[in-house]
Amino acid sequence: MSLASWRALSARERALVAVAVLIDGSDAQLYLGCDDERSEQLRRAAEELCGLDVDARVAFVGTVLRLALEEGE
């Protein structure tokens, strides 16, 4: 996963990608591709996140959601 492209997303967008991948990893890219403004960035982030090993992905998603809550977005 490209750290620079991931960090370019806001905390809210990172949380959105994390939840989409957590709920349905295989279709997360499809769902996020419907966003009017940032579809390409969100879709790409979901694709990269889905490429991680499932154990690493679940741990990473949990961390992303916790950090988003801490940032208050």
N, C-alpha and C. Protein backbone atom coordinates (compact mmCIF):
# COMPACT_ATOMS: atom_id res chain seq x y z
N MET A 1 0.84 -1.17 0.00
CA MET A 1 0.00 0.00 0.00
C MET A 1 0.88 1.23 0.00
N SER A 2 0.53 2.18 -0.81
CA SER A 2 1.29 3.41 -0.91
C SER A 2 0.96 4.31 0.27
N LEU A 3 1.94 4.54 1.12
CA LEU A 3 1.72 5.37 2.30
C LEU A 3 1.37 6.80 1.92
N ALA A 4 1.99 7.32 0.88
CA ALA A 4 1.72 8.70 0.47
C ALA A 4 0.27 8.86 0.00
N SER A 5 -0.22 7.93 -0.78
CA SER A 5 -1.60 8.05 -1.26
C SER A 5 -2.59 7.82 -0.12
N TRP A 6 -2.26 6.95 0.80
CA TRP A 6 -3.14 6.71 1.95
C TRP A 6 -3.21 7.95 2.84
N ARG A 7 -2.07 8.59 3.07
CA ARG A 7 -2.04 9.77 3.92
C ARG A 7 -2.68 10.99 3.26
N ALA A 8 -2.83 10.95 1.94
CA ALA A 8 -3.48 12.04 1.22
C ALA A 8 -4.98 12.06 1.49
N LEU A 9 -5.52 10.95 1.97
CA LEU A 9 -6.94 10.89 2.31
C LEU A 9 -7.15 11.52 3.68
N SER A 10 -8.30 12.13 3.88
CA SER A 10 -8.63 12.67 5.21
C SER A 10 -8.93 11.52 6.15
N ALA A 11 -8.97 11.81 7.44
CA ALA A 11 -9.29 10.77 8.43
C ALA A 11 -10.66 10.18 8.14
N ARG A 12 -11.59 11.00 7.73
CA ARG A 12 -12.95 10.53 7.41
C ARG A 12 -12.91 9.60 6.20
N GLU A 13 -12.15 9.95 5.19
CA GLU A 13 -12.04 9.12 4.00
C GLU A 13 -11.35 7.80 4.31
N ARG A 14 -10.31 7.84 5.13
CA ARG A 14 -9.63 6.60 5.53
C ARG A 14 -10.59 5.69 6.29
N ALA A 15 -11.40 6.28 7.18
CA ALA A 15 -12.38 5.50 7.93
C ALA A 15 -13.44 4.92 6.99
N LEU A 16 -13.86 5.70 6.02
CA LEU A 16 -14.84 5.23 5.04
C LEU A 16 -14.31 4.03 4.26
N VAL A 17 -13.08 4.11 3.81
CA VAL A 17 -12.46 3.00 3.09
C VAL A 17 -12.34 1.79 4.01
N ALA A 18 -11.91 2.01 5.24
CA ALA A 18 -11.74 0.92 6.19
C ALA A 18 -13.06 0.20 6.44
N VAL A 19 -14.13 0.94 6.65
CA VAL A 19 -15.44 0.33 6.90
C VAL A 19 -15.92 -0.42 5.66
N ALA A 20 -15.76 0.17 4.50
CA ALA A 20 -16.19 -0.49 3.27
C ALA A 20 -15.45 -1.82 3.07
N VAL A 21 -14.17 -1.83 3.34
CA VAL A 21 -13.37 -3.06 3.20
C VAL A 21 -13.75 -4.07 4.28
N LEU A 22 -14.01 -3.59 5.48
CA LEU A 22 -14.38 -4.47 6.57
C LEU A 22 -15.73 -5.14 6.30
N ILE A 23 -16.70 -4.36 5.78
CA ILE A 23 -18.03 -4.90 5.52
C ILE A 23 -18.02 -5.87 4.35
N ASP A 24 -17.41 -5.46 3.26
CA ASP A 24 -17.40 -6.31 2.07
C ASP A 24 -16.19 -5.99 1.21
N GLY A 25 -15.09 -6.57 1.57
CA GLY A 25 -13.83 -6.28 0.89
C GLY A 25 -13.87 -6.45 -0.61
N SER A 26 -14.56 -7.48 -1.07
CA SER A 26 -14.56 -7.74 -2.51
C SER A 26 -15.33 -6.69 -3.29
N ASP A 27 -16.33 -6.08 -2.70
CA ASP A 27 -17.13 -5.07 -3.40
C ASP A 27 -16.85 -3.64 -2.94
N ALA A 28 -15.93 -3.45 -2.01
CA ALA A 28 -15.65 -2.11 -1.48
C ALA A 28 -15.24 -1.15 -2.59
N GLN A 29 -14.46 -1.61 -3.54
CA GLN A 29 -14.02 -0.75 -4.64
C GLN A 29 -15.21 -0.28 -5.47
N LEU A 30 -16.17 -1.16 -5.66
CA LEU A 30 -17.36 -0.82 -6.42
C LEU A 30 -18.18 0.25 -5.70
N TYR A 31 -18.39 0.06 -4.41
CA TYR A 31 -19.15 1.03 -3.62
C TYR A 31 -18.47 2.40 -3.63
N LEU A 32 -17.18 2.40 -3.36
CA LEU A 32 -16.45 3.67 -3.24
C LEU A 32 -16.26 4.34 -4.59
N GLY A 33 -16.33 3.59 -5.66
CA GLY A 33 -16.22 4.15 -6.99
C GLY A 33 -17.40 5.02 -7.37
N CYS A 34 -18.46 4.99 -6.57
CA CYS A 34 -19.66 5.79 -6.83
C CYS A 34 -19.57 7.18 -6.21
N ASP A 35 -18.53 7.47 -5.47
CA ASP A 35 -18.37 8.79 -4.85
C ASP A 35 -18.16 9.83 -5.94
N ASP A 36 -18.90 10.93 -5.87
CA ASP A 36 -18.84 11.95 -6.92
C ASP A 36 -17.51 12.69 -6.99
N GLU A 37 -16.89 12.91 -5.84
CA GLU A 37 -15.71 13.78 -5.81
C GLU A 37 -14.37 13.04 -5.79
N ARG A 38 -14.27 11.98 -5.02
CA ARG A 38 -12.97 11.33 -4.82
C ARG A 38 -12.99 9.85 -5.15
N SER A 39 -13.82 9.45 -6.08
CA SER A 39 -14.01 8.02 -6.35
C SER A 39 -12.71 7.30 -6.68
N GLU A 40 -11.87 7.89 -7.50
CA GLU A 40 -10.64 7.21 -7.92
C GLU A 40 -9.70 6.98 -6.74
N GLN A 41 -9.52 7.99 -5.88
CA GLN A 41 -8.63 7.85 -4.73
C GLN A 41 -9.19 6.82 -3.74
N LEU A 42 -10.49 6.87 -3.48
CA LEU A 42 -11.10 5.94 -2.53
C LEU A 42 -11.07 4.52 -3.07
N ARG A 43 -11.37 4.36 -4.34
CA ARG A 43 -11.35 3.04 -4.97
C ARG A 43 -9.96 2.44 -4.94
N ARG A 44 -8.96 3.26 -5.25
CA ARG A 44 -7.58 2.79 -5.25
C ARG A 44 -7.14 2.38 -3.84
N ALA A 45 -7.52 3.17 -2.85
CA ALA A 45 -7.16 2.84 -1.46
C ALA A 45 -7.80 1.52 -1.04
N ALA A 46 -9.07 1.31 -1.41
CA ALA A 46 -9.74 0.06 -1.08
C ALA A 46 -9.07 -1.12 -1.77
N GLU A 47 -8.69 -0.93 -3.02
CA GLU A 47 -8.02 -1.99 -3.77
C GLU A 47 -6.70 -2.38 -3.10
N GLU A 48 -5.94 -1.39 -2.69
CA GLU A 48 -4.66 -1.66 -2.04
C GLU A 48 -4.87 -2.33 -0.68
N LEU A 49 -5.88 -1.85 0.05
CA LEU A 49 -6.16 -2.42 1.36
C LEU A 49 -6.62 -3.87 1.24
N CYS A 50 -7.41 -4.17 0.23
CA CYS A 50 -7.87 -5.55 0.00
C CYS A 50 -6.72 -6.47 -0.40
N GLY A 51 -5.64 -5.90 -0.89
CA GLY A 51 -4.49 -6.69 -1.29
C GLY A 51 -3.65 -7.18 -0.12
N LEU A 52 -3.90 -6.65 1.06
CA LEU A 52 -3.15 -7.09 2.24
C LEU A 52 -3.63 -8.45 2.71
N ASP A 53 -2.77 -9.17 3.37
CA ASP A 53 -3.13 -10.42 4.03
C ASP A 53 -4.29 -10.14 4.98
N VAL A 54 -5.24 -11.05 5.09
CA VAL A 54 -6.46 -10.80 5.86
C VAL A 54 -6.16 -10.43 7.33
N ASP A 55 -5.20 -11.06 7.95
CA ASP A 55 -4.88 -10.73 9.34
C ASP A 55 -4.31 -9.32 9.46
N ALA A 56 -3.43 -8.96 8.55
CA ALA A 56 -2.87 -7.62 8.55
C ALA A 56 -3.94 -6.59 8.22
N ARG A 57 -4.83 -6.94 7.31
CA ARG A 57 -5.90 -6.02 6.90
C ARG A 57 -6.83 -5.70 8.06
N VAL A 58 -7.25 -6.72 8.81
CA VAL A 58 -8.16 -6.51 9.93
C VAL A 58 -7.49 -5.66 11.01
N ALA A 59 -6.23 -5.94 11.29
CA ALA A 59 -5.51 -5.14 12.29
C ALA A 59 -5.36 -3.70 11.83
N PHE A 60 -5.04 -3.52 10.56
CA PHE A 60 -4.87 -2.17 10.02
C PHE A 60 -6.18 -1.40 10.03
N VAL A 61 -7.27 -2.06 9.66
CA VAL A 61 -8.59 -1.41 9.65
C VAL A 61 -8.96 -0.96 11.06
N GLY A 62 -8.70 -1.79 12.05
CA GLY A 62 -8.98 -1.40 13.43
C GLY A 62 -8.19 -0.18 13.85
N THR A 63 -6.94 -0.13 13.47
CA THR A 63 -6.09 1.02 13.79
C THR A 63 -6.59 2.28 13.09
N VAL A 64 -6.96 2.15 11.82
CA VAL A 64 -7.46 3.29 11.06
C VAL A 64 -8.72 3.86 11.70
N LEU A 65 -9.63 2.99 12.10
CA LEU A 65 -10.87 3.47 12.72
C LEU A 65 -10.62 4.12 14.08
N ARG A 66 -9.72 3.55 14.86
CA ARG A 66 -9.39 4.15 16.16
C ARG A 66 -8.78 5.53 15.97
N LEU A 67 -7.85 5.68 15.02
CA LEU A 67 -7.24 6.96 14.76
C LEU A 67 -8.24 7.99 14.23
N ALA A 68 -9.18 7.56 13.42
CA ALA A 68 -10.20 8.47 12.92
C ALA A 68 -11.06 8.99 14.06
N LEU A 69 -11.39 8.13 15.00
CA LEU A 69 -12.16 8.56 16.16
C LEU A 69 -11.37 9.55 17.01
N GLU A 70 -10.09 9.29 17.17
CA GLU A 70 -9.25 10.19 17.95
C GLU A 70 -9.12 11.55 17.30
N GLU A 71 -9.10 11.59 15.97
CA GLU A 71 -8.98 12.86 15.26
C GLU A 71 -10.28 13.63 15.28
N GLY A 72 -11.38 12.96 15.61
CA GLY A 72 -12.65 13.64 15.76
C GLY A 72 -13.34 14.02 14.47
N GLU A 73 -12.98 13.38 13.37
CA GLU A 73 -13.65 13.69 12.11
C GLU A 73 -14.79 12.75 11.87
